[in-house]
């Protein structure tokens, strides 16, 4: 049975981790979370929350932060108590992904996970152990101009001589031709205007080939250049340094973009927004001006619904509480992707501090006053009266041979245009992804068609067919069809309240976490959305947990946690589990019937 553990406060994920060991020569090390580190407890074990608990790497060595968990984590230099120190930060690394960092400065660097702050580790960066050439070879220092440019490169070489440096634009590399009469070393300074290696805005690692074989090297860097120390054997005639871009004409060097630490507020935000998460708040600095949430302090009346909008490119949370004491359970947005919104209705007076669990320097306040202005829930922006457009002489229509299909069936799309034309046809699935993108040429009578087969793994829901052509002006038409599996492929085997270890229990305690375990069975790989609803004895919702996953063939066990608020009513509460193909608002349909059970709240 495949087990997946999902922890929510109302939605913090945790999971199972695999382990890799560091290389003994300290030129590369892989660090993974320890098993079960998404829940408190690993900090008290001898192995710690990261493996290895203390890792050692040489200056110039590569550190791979690998997330083999089903939950997202960060590796952030600094401590949970004092915050990020700035040496490195992976940001949020999703399940199955990794992040690489090259150590450039010796020292000891504690680090932690900003999503699970009890997770801490230590990275020791030591001076690399390269041995200098033992022969008494001559050492030369000088400059060489890269071919096709006017850029000079400073270098020092022992055991050989540099003949030329040639940029290879197609390969994003520099070809260094040398003659080596014995084993030696080359120290060469590379201006970033000539060659660099970047992953986004951060430095990436060069690849260095000596006579075609990849070798290790030392590196130090500044904002203007990067200096490499490369060892080579006798009879070496070529060293190639491969980056992510290289320039061969000095007149085309890009000018660096000035960095501004102040977050940028968008000029347009969705109608009904009260608080904006500005662009750039994913990096420290906004806390100095209290601009991580804008406005930093927002006042409203009792009964108001306050709406946040994420205008940043990074994911954030809006979580009641503070970084020191953690969530207090009043509200939690879960992860808000870029461009998404979150709303919460405040039914009680008081001051509500909140923060971002991913970037804990981000804090804000909502003050609710009995006599304050009541803010209603956001409603759609008024639709302006459209300006009539001239009727174009051309027409187009699109249809399908059926309104509903099953996975594996053939779909025929029929097109008619008022005259022969090339028509762009797109089929969009329930999740907004493109299923088909084709061009159909209609005949002299204006008729055309195309066919495609729905995959057996097609998602249930509504599909849209869009057609566009130019016929004395742009014309378009759309139609929809639905896909529904003819057989039930998913069943809910069991649903029960448990403790943190997965043991069945009959009651939850107010002010503490309660856990709900659901076991599902699927006869094939199925894209699914699983939701768990918890209500107290008066049918007041205590929270909803949800997650999207691909259920494999067979049984899957999943556990979610809920914080039981102190104002929950004592008595028998209800737990409901549902499985959909997607959110109903996105065209999703139920994959099986609802399952329910009860738990006593005390």
Foldseek 3Di string as FASTA:
>chain_A
DAEAAFADLPGAGWWAKDDDAQDPLQQEGEKEFHGPLSDPDQCPDPCAGMVNQEEEHEQQHKYKHFYQTQGWWKWAWDALVVAGPPPDIPFIAHHGGIDMDGHHDFDKTKTATLLRRSGIGIYGYHHRDDDFDPDPWDKDWDWAAEPLERDIKTKMKTQWAWDHWYQDFVQQKIKTFIAGQFKMKMKIKAFVLFHAADDVPHGDDKFKAFVHHTDGWHWHDDPTIIIIMDIYGHGTTIMMIHHDGGDNYHVPRDDDDDDDQEFDADPDAFFQADKEQGENLLDPDNLVVCVRIVPQEAEFEAFAKHKYFYQYQAWWKWAWDASVPDGPSPDIPHTDHHGGMDIDTHHDADKTKTATSSRRSRIGIYGYHNPGHHHYHGDHDDDDDDDDDDDAPKAKEKDWPDQEEEAFDKIKIKMFICAWWWKWKWKAALVRDTDDTDIWTADGRRITMDMDHGHNQGFWFKMKMKMWTADSHIYIYMDMHTYDHPDQFKDWPDKAKDPPVRHGDFADEAQAKIKMKIKMAGQAWHWKKKKKWKAAPVRHTQDMHIDIDTDHHGMYMYMYMGHHHPPGDFFKMKMKMFMWSDPVVSGIDTSDDIDMDIHTYD
